[in-house]
Amino acid sequence: MNMVPAILVLSVVVLIIFLHRSRSRSVLGGWAAANGFEIVRSDQRYFSRGPFFWTTSKGQTVYYVTVRDAQGGLRSGWVRCGSWWFGLWSDRAEVRWVE
């Protein structure tokens, strides 16, 4: 049995997952920097997507984050990375703060 095709497919899948996660983190970091936030904690959410549960496409990612603002205050909220049509090809990030 030839294992080369299986290994090749597995390698491509791992590469795609790595690139998706890397791009997602890049969009999140860009959003934080553009808004003067330091990310204290971020958890990518696959199933529990908070206010974005029904409106997130497969190409987007959702994080629950805690950030520190320029004054040192902490805020938590949900950040959706990417756009509906272009997914993570877009630099778009949308936040919904938790009160």
N, C-alpha and C. Protein backbone atom coordinates (compact mmCIF):
# COMPACT_ATOMS: atom_id res chain seq x y z
N MET A 1 0.84 -1.17 0.00
CA MET A 1 0.00 0.00 0.00
C MET A 1 0.89 1.25 0.00
N ASN A 2 0.56 2.17 -0.86
CA ASN A 2 1.36 3.39 -1.01
C ASN A 2 0.83 4.47 -0.07
N MET A 3 1.67 4.93 0.85
CA MET A 3 1.28 5.92 1.86
C MET A 3 1.52 7.36 1.40
N VAL A 4 2.17 7.54 0.28
CA VAL A 4 2.53 8.90 -0.17
C VAL A 4 1.29 9.79 -0.35
N PRO A 5 0.22 9.34 -1.03
CA PRO A 5 -0.96 10.22 -1.17
C PRO A 5 -1.57 10.60 0.18
N ALA A 6 -1.65 9.67 1.10
CA ALA A 6 -2.23 9.96 2.41
C ALA A 6 -1.38 10.96 3.17
N ILE A 7 -0.09 10.80 3.12
CA ILE A 7 0.83 11.72 3.81
C ILE A 7 0.75 13.11 3.16
N LEU A 8 0.65 13.15 1.85
CA LEU A 8 0.54 14.43 1.14
C LEU A 8 -0.75 15.15 1.51
N VAL A 9 -1.86 14.44 1.53
CA VAL A 9 -3.14 15.04 1.90
C VAL A 9 -3.09 15.54 3.34
N LEU A 10 -2.58 14.74 4.25
CA LEU A 10 -2.46 15.14 5.65
C LEU A 10 -1.59 16.39 5.79
N SER A 11 -0.50 16.44 5.06
CA SER A 11 0.39 17.60 5.11
C SER A 11 -0.32 18.86 4.63
N VAL A 12 -1.09 18.75 3.57
CA VAL A 12 -1.83 19.90 3.04
C VAL A 12 -2.88 20.37 4.06
N VAL A 13 -3.58 19.44 4.68
CA VAL A 13 -4.59 19.79 5.69
C VAL A 13 -3.94 20.52 6.87
N VAL A 14 -2.83 20.00 7.35
CA VAL A 14 -2.12 20.63 8.46
C VAL A 14 -1.65 22.03 8.07
N LEU A 15 -1.15 22.20 6.86
CA LEU A 15 -0.70 23.50 6.38
C LEU A 15 -1.86 24.49 6.30
N ILE A 16 -3.00 24.06 5.79
CA ILE A 16 -4.18 24.94 5.70
C ILE A 16 -4.64 25.37 7.09
N ILE A 17 -4.68 24.45 8.03
CA ILE A 17 -5.08 24.78 9.40
C ILE A 17 -4.10 25.79 10.01
N PHE A 18 -2.81 25.56 9.81
CA PHE A 18 -1.80 26.47 10.34
C PHE A 18 -1.96 27.87 9.74
N LEU A 19 -2.14 27.96 8.42
CA LEU A 19 -2.28 29.25 7.76
C LEU A 19 -3.55 29.97 8.21
N HIS A 20 -4.64 29.24 8.38
CA HIS A 20 -5.90 29.82 8.84
C HIS A 20 -5.75 30.41 10.24
N ARG A 21 -5.16 29.65 11.14
CA ARG A 21 -4.96 30.13 12.51
C ARG A 21 -4.01 31.32 12.55
N SER A 22 -2.96 31.25 11.76
CA SER A 22 -1.98 32.33 11.72
C SER A 22 -2.61 33.62 11.20
N ARG A 23 -3.37 33.52 10.13
CA ARG A 23 -4.03 34.70 9.56
C ARG A 23 -5.06 35.26 10.53
N SER A 24 -5.79 34.39 11.19
CA SER A 24 -6.79 34.80 12.16
C SER A 24 -6.14 35.59 13.30
N ARG A 25 -5.03 35.09 13.81
CA ARG A 25 -4.31 35.78 14.89
C ARG A 25 -3.77 37.12 14.41
N SER A 26 -3.35 37.18 13.16
CA SER A 26 -2.85 38.41 12.58
C SER A 26 -3.95 39.49 12.52
N VAL A 27 -5.14 39.09 12.08
CA VAL A 27 -6.26 40.03 12.01
C VAL A 27 -6.61 40.51 13.42
N LEU A 28 -6.65 39.60 14.38
CA LEU A 28 -6.96 39.96 15.77
C LEU A 28 -5.91 40.93 16.32
N GLY A 29 -4.65 40.63 16.10
CA GLY A 29 -3.58 41.50 16.57
C GLY A 29 -3.62 42.87 15.92
N GLY A 30 -3.93 42.91 14.62
CA GLY A 30 -4.05 44.18 13.92
C GLY A 30 -5.19 45.02 14.46
N TRP A 31 -6.31 44.38 14.76
CA TRP A 31 -7.45 45.08 15.35
C TRP A 31 -7.06 45.67 16.70
N ALA A 32 -6.40 44.88 17.54
CA ALA A 32 -6.00 45.36 18.87
C ALA A 32 -5.04 46.54 18.75
N ALA A 33 -4.04 46.43 17.92
CA ALA A 33 -3.05 47.51 17.75
C ALA A 33 -3.71 48.78 17.21
N ALA A 34 -4.60 48.65 16.25
CA ALA A 34 -5.26 49.81 15.65
C ALA A 34 -6.14 50.55 16.65
N ASN A 35 -6.60 49.84 17.67
CA ASN A 35 -7.48 50.44 18.67
C ASN A 35 -6.79 50.72 20.00
N GLY A 36 -5.47 50.54 20.05
CA GLY A 36 -4.71 50.84 21.25
C GLY A 36 -4.90 49.84 22.38
N PHE A 37 -5.21 48.60 22.04
CA PHE A 37 -5.41 47.57 23.05
C PHE A 37 -4.22 46.61 23.11
N GLU A 38 -3.98 46.09 24.31
CA GLU A 38 -3.05 44.99 24.50
C GLU A 38 -3.91 43.76 24.80
N ILE A 39 -3.70 42.69 24.06
CA ILE A 39 -4.48 41.47 24.30
C ILE A 39 -3.91 40.76 25.51
N VAL A 40 -4.74 40.63 26.53
CA VAL A 40 -4.35 39.93 27.76
C VAL A 40 -4.64 38.44 27.61
N ARG A 41 -5.79 38.14 27.01
CA ARG A 41 -6.18 36.75 26.81
C ARG A 41 -7.09 36.67 25.58
N SER A 42 -6.93 35.61 24.82
CA SER A 42 -7.82 35.38 23.68
C SER A 42 -8.06 33.89 23.53
N ASP A 43 -9.32 33.53 23.39
CA ASP A 43 -9.71 32.14 23.21
C ASP A 43 -10.54 32.04 21.94
N GLN A 44 -10.04 31.27 20.97
CA GLN A 44 -10.82 31.09 19.75
C GLN A 44 -12.02 30.21 20.10
N ARG A 45 -13.18 30.62 19.63
CA ARG A 45 -14.41 29.90 19.92
C ARG A 45 -14.93 29.24 18.65
N TYR A 46 -15.13 27.95 18.73
CA TYR A 46 -15.59 27.18 17.58
C TYR A 46 -17.10 26.98 17.60
N PHE A 47 -17.67 26.78 18.78
CA PHE A 47 -19.10 26.50 18.89
C PHE A 47 -19.83 27.61 19.63
N SER A 48 -19.31 28.02 20.76
CA SER A 48 -19.92 29.09 21.55
C SER A 48 -19.38 30.42 21.01
N ARG A 49 -20.13 31.05 20.10
CA ARG A 49 -19.66 32.26 19.43
C ARG A 49 -20.38 33.51 19.91
N GLY A 50 -20.99 33.44 21.07
CA GLY A 50 -21.63 34.60 21.67
C GLY A 50 -22.61 35.28 20.72
N PRO A 51 -22.53 36.61 20.61
CA PRO A 51 -23.48 37.35 19.78
C PRO A 51 -23.31 37.09 18.28
N PHE A 52 -22.25 36.42 17.91
CA PHE A 52 -21.99 36.13 16.49
C PHE A 52 -22.42 34.71 16.09
N PHE A 53 -23.11 34.02 16.98
CA PHE A 53 -23.43 32.61 16.75
C PHE A 53 -24.14 32.35 15.42
N TRP A 54 -25.18 33.12 15.12
CA TRP A 54 -26.00 32.85 13.94
C TRP A 54 -25.51 33.57 12.69
N THR A 55 -24.56 34.48 12.84
CA THR A 55 -24.21 35.34 11.71
C THR A 55 -22.76 35.20 11.25
N THR A 56 -22.09 34.15 11.64
CA THR A 56 -20.69 33.96 11.27
C THR A 56 -20.57 32.90 10.18
N SER A 57 -19.82 33.24 9.12
CA SER A 57 -19.61 32.29 8.04
C SER A 57 -18.45 31.35 8.38
N LYS A 58 -18.29 30.31 7.60
CA LYS A 58 -17.23 29.34 7.85
C LYS A 58 -15.83 29.93 7.69
N GLY A 59 -15.71 31.00 6.91
CA GLY A 59 -14.40 31.61 6.68
C GLY A 59 -13.98 32.60 7.76
N GLN A 60 -14.87 32.87 8.71
CA GLN A 60 -14.57 33.80 9.78
C GLN A 60 -14.20 33.06 11.06
N THR A 61 -13.51 33.75 11.95
CA THR A 61 -13.21 33.18 13.26
C THR A 61 -13.72 34.11 14.33
N VAL A 62 -14.04 33.54 15.49
CA VAL A 62 -14.55 34.32 16.61
C VAL A 62 -13.67 34.04 17.82
N TYR A 63 -13.31 35.11 18.52
CA TYR A 63 -12.51 35.02 19.74
C TYR A 63 -13.27 35.67 20.88
N TYR A 64 -13.10 35.11 22.07
CA TYR A 64 -13.49 35.81 23.28
C TYR A 64 -12.21 36.39 23.84
N VAL A 65 -12.15 37.70 24.02
CA VAL A 65 -10.90 38.35 24.39
C VAL A 65 -11.05 39.18 25.66
N THR A 66 -9.93 39.35 26.32
CA THR A 66 -9.78 40.34 27.37
C THR A 66 -8.63 41.22 26.94
N VAL A 67 -8.87 42.53 26.92
CA VAL A 67 -7.84 43.47 26.48
C VAL A 67 -7.61 44.53 27.55
N ARG A 68 -6.41 45.12 27.48
CA ARG A 68 -6.07 46.25 28.35
C ARG A 68 -6.01 47.49 27.47
N ASP A 69 -6.72 48.54 27.87
CA ASP A 69 -6.71 49.77 27.08
C ASP A 69 -5.53 50.66 27.50
N ALA A 70 -5.39 51.81 26.87
CA ALA A 70 -4.26 52.71 27.11
C ALA A 70 -4.22 53.24 28.54
N GLN A 71 -5.37 53.29 29.20
CA GLN A 71 -5.43 53.76 30.58
C GLN A 71 -5.23 52.63 31.60
N GLY A 72 -5.04 51.42 31.13
CA GLY A 72 -4.82 50.28 32.01
C GLY A 72 -6.08 49.52 32.38
N GLY A 73 -7.23 49.96 31.89
CA GLY A 73 -8.49 49.28 32.19
C GLY A 73 -8.65 48.01 31.37
N LEU A 74 -9.34 47.05 31.95
CA LEU A 74 -9.60 45.78 31.28
C LEU A 74 -11.01 45.75 30.73
N ARG A 75 -11.15 45.20 29.53
CA ARG A 75 -12.46 45.00 28.91
C ARG A 75 -12.48 43.61 28.31
N SER A 76 -13.66 43.01 28.28
CA SER A 76 -13.83 41.70 27.66
C SER A 76 -14.92 41.77 26.61
N GLY A 77 -14.78 40.95 25.60
CA GLY A 77 -15.79 40.94 24.56
C GLY A 77 -15.50 39.89 23.50
N TRP A 78 -16.34 39.90 22.50
CA TRP A 78 -16.27 38.96 21.39
C TRP A 78 -15.75 39.69 20.16
N VAL A 79 -14.77 39.12 19.47
CA VAL A 79 -14.23 39.70 18.25
C VAL A 79 -14.37 38.69 17.13
N ARG A 80 -15.01 39.14 16.04
CA ARG A 80 -15.15 38.29 14.86
C ARG A 80 -14.16 38.81 13.81
N CYS A 81 -13.32 37.93 13.31
CA CYS A 81 -12.30 38.28 12.34
C CYS A 81 -12.70 37.83 10.95
N GLY A 82 -12.47 38.72 9.97
CA GLY A 82 -12.78 38.40 8.58
C GLY A 82 -14.16 38.90 8.19
N SER A 83 -14.45 38.81 6.90
CA SER A 83 -15.75 39.25 6.41
C SER A 83 -16.57 38.05 5.95
N TRP A 84 -17.88 38.27 5.80
CA TRP A 84 -18.78 37.20 5.41
C TRP A 84 -18.36 36.57 4.08
N TRP A 85 -18.12 37.38 3.06
CA TRP A 85 -17.83 36.87 1.73
C TRP A 85 -16.37 36.46 1.53
N PHE A 86 -15.45 37.23 2.11
CA PHE A 86 -14.03 37.00 1.84
C PHE A 86 -13.30 36.33 2.99
N GLY A 87 -13.98 36.04 4.08
CA GLY A 87 -13.36 35.37 5.21
C GLY A 87 -12.13 36.11 5.69
N LEU A 88 -11.06 35.36 5.94
CA LEU A 88 -9.84 35.95 6.47
C LEU A 88 -8.97 36.61 5.41
N TRP A 89 -9.45 36.65 4.15
CA TRP A 89 -8.77 37.46 3.13
C TRP A 89 -8.99 38.93 3.45
N SER A 90 -9.97 39.22 4.29
CA SER A 90 -10.29 40.58 4.70
C SER A 90 -9.64 40.86 6.05
N ASP A 91 -9.24 42.11 6.28
CA ASP A 91 -8.67 42.51 7.58
C ASP A 91 -9.74 42.96 8.57
N ARG A 92 -10.98 42.79 8.21
CA ARG A 92 -12.09 43.27 9.04
C ARG A 92 -12.14 42.54 10.38
N ALA A 93 -12.42 43.31 11.42
CA ALA A 93 -12.66 42.75 12.76
C ALA A 93 -13.80 43.54 13.39
N GLU A 94 -14.71 42.83 13.98
CA GLU A 94 -15.91 43.43 14.60
C GLU A 94 -15.97 42.98 16.04
N VAL A 95 -16.23 43.92 16.96
CA VAL A 95 -16.24 43.61 18.39
C VAL A 95 -17.61 43.87 18.99
N ARG A 96 -17.98 43.05 19.94
CA ARG A 96 -19.16 43.26 20.78
C ARG A 96 -18.67 43.11 22.22
N TRP A 97 -18.69 44.22 22.94
CA TRP A 97 -18.20 44.21 24.31
C TRP A 97 -19.21 43.59 25.27
N VAL A 98 -18.70 42.95 26.29
CA VAL A 98 -19.53 42.40 27.37
C VAL A 98 -19.59 43.48 28.44
N GLU A 99 -20.78 43.80 28.84
CA GLU A 99 -20.98 44.87 29.85
C GLU A 99 -20.70 44.36 31.24
